[in-house]
Every structure is written in structure tokens, then in C-alpha cells.
Amino acid sequence: MQPPRALWVPFPLGRPLGKADDAPFQQSVIQAALNLLHRQTGPVLEDYPHDAPAIDNETPATCPVSFATKTSEPASWKTRLSREIGELAPWYELGRRRRGGRSLVGIADASPQQNIQLLGEQLDNQALPTDFVWLKRAVEDIKAYYFEAMTAQPGDYDRETIHKQFWRDTQFGAAVLSLYRQLQNSDDDRQKMIARILAPREAIGAATGPLKEKKT
């Protein structure tokens, strides 16, 4: 799109101003964006420095999916990713039935299962994807598949906990972070931009430590 002024915010997709009903925080985001108009030259791409306030939830539901660390993981990314999404399939189907057939999955041309295998092959071959449109759609589709599976049981889910578990405990989260690091270390500004799209700042922070104690 190449806008002359852009503020990059680290909030989840669909929440460009951060936490809902938090007027002061939302106003600060809008003000930061408007302040970019004072820059004399462009284009300008600036990071918003603050994360959204945490959402209070006294009774978060328990994620139905367990991502236990195994001591003998296969070396192949493709094998690990294919197995993991296969284990999620029953939970995804249960969640979709509970929502009356509605799902956010479907923006990519191929299925999440096909795309995750292709992504695994590229990681195994140490080849960075060159089709960034495909990459963005594939990653968003697979993420939607995971989150819908992870919230399959009825109840109000703590978004913060679910996101931390996704980025810390899943093979796919690890795969996206691996891609992020490769793209972020590139000399190509476009690849660095794609890295930001793949893994927002809160995801990088969520992956810095274990959500729970893991056995080695």
C-alpha cells in the first residue's frame, strides 16, 4: 500500500486501537498516529511503543489442547507440523460445530493442512518463502485454525493466556518465530516488513519464557 505515514501497532488483528472500551488508551493511539502528520518528509513507519492493557478475566476457561514437549521430536519440521495440526483437527471441528459452522479459516487458496506442510518443507530446506502474499494468507489461516481449536470448549477464554500458549508451546508458533528471525535479519526492507506481519511484538515477548514448567 505504501502509505506516506503509518503507525505500526502491536495489537491483535481486528483491534487497531488496542483494548475495547479503554478510551484513554485508544485516544493515545490515535494521537500518536496524528502526530506523524507533523513529519516533514516521508514515508514514515513508526512503532507504537506500548502494548494494550491486559484484559481482566477472573474465571478463564481451560484450553482443551495440550502441547506437551516430547523428548524424541523428529528432525523434520514438516513431520512435526503435520502431526500437530492433525491432533488439533477434532477440536477444530468441534469448535466449528459449536459456532454453527462459522470459521475464520479460508482466506488462503489451499487448506491449512496443505499450507502447513509446504511451510514445513521450506523450513526443512532452509528456503525463505518468496511469495509473501501466499505466506501472509497461509500463516493467518493456520493461526485461525489453531486458535479455534484451542478455544473449542464453551466458555470465555483469556486471550492473553491462549496467545502465550500458542507462541510458547506449539510447533507452528515456533515455526513462525523461526521465519520471523530469518526475515528480520535480512537486508531486504520488504522482508523485515513481512516479519512484523507474521509475529507481532507481543508474540516475541510471549515466546521469551515458558508458560509452564516443561520436562526435559
Foldseek 3Di string as FASTA:
>chain_A
DPDQEEEDEQADPPCQQADPPPVVSSVVSVVVRVVRVPDPGGSDYYYDPDHHDFDDDPDADAFPDDQADDPDDDPFLLVQQLVVLVVLVVLLVLLCVVVVNDFPADPAPDHLNVLSNVLRVCVVVVHQDPPLVNVLNSLVNNVRSQLSSRCSDDDHHRVLLSLLCQLARGSSNVSLVVLLVVLCPDPDPVSPVSSCSSAGPVSVVSRPDHPDDHDD
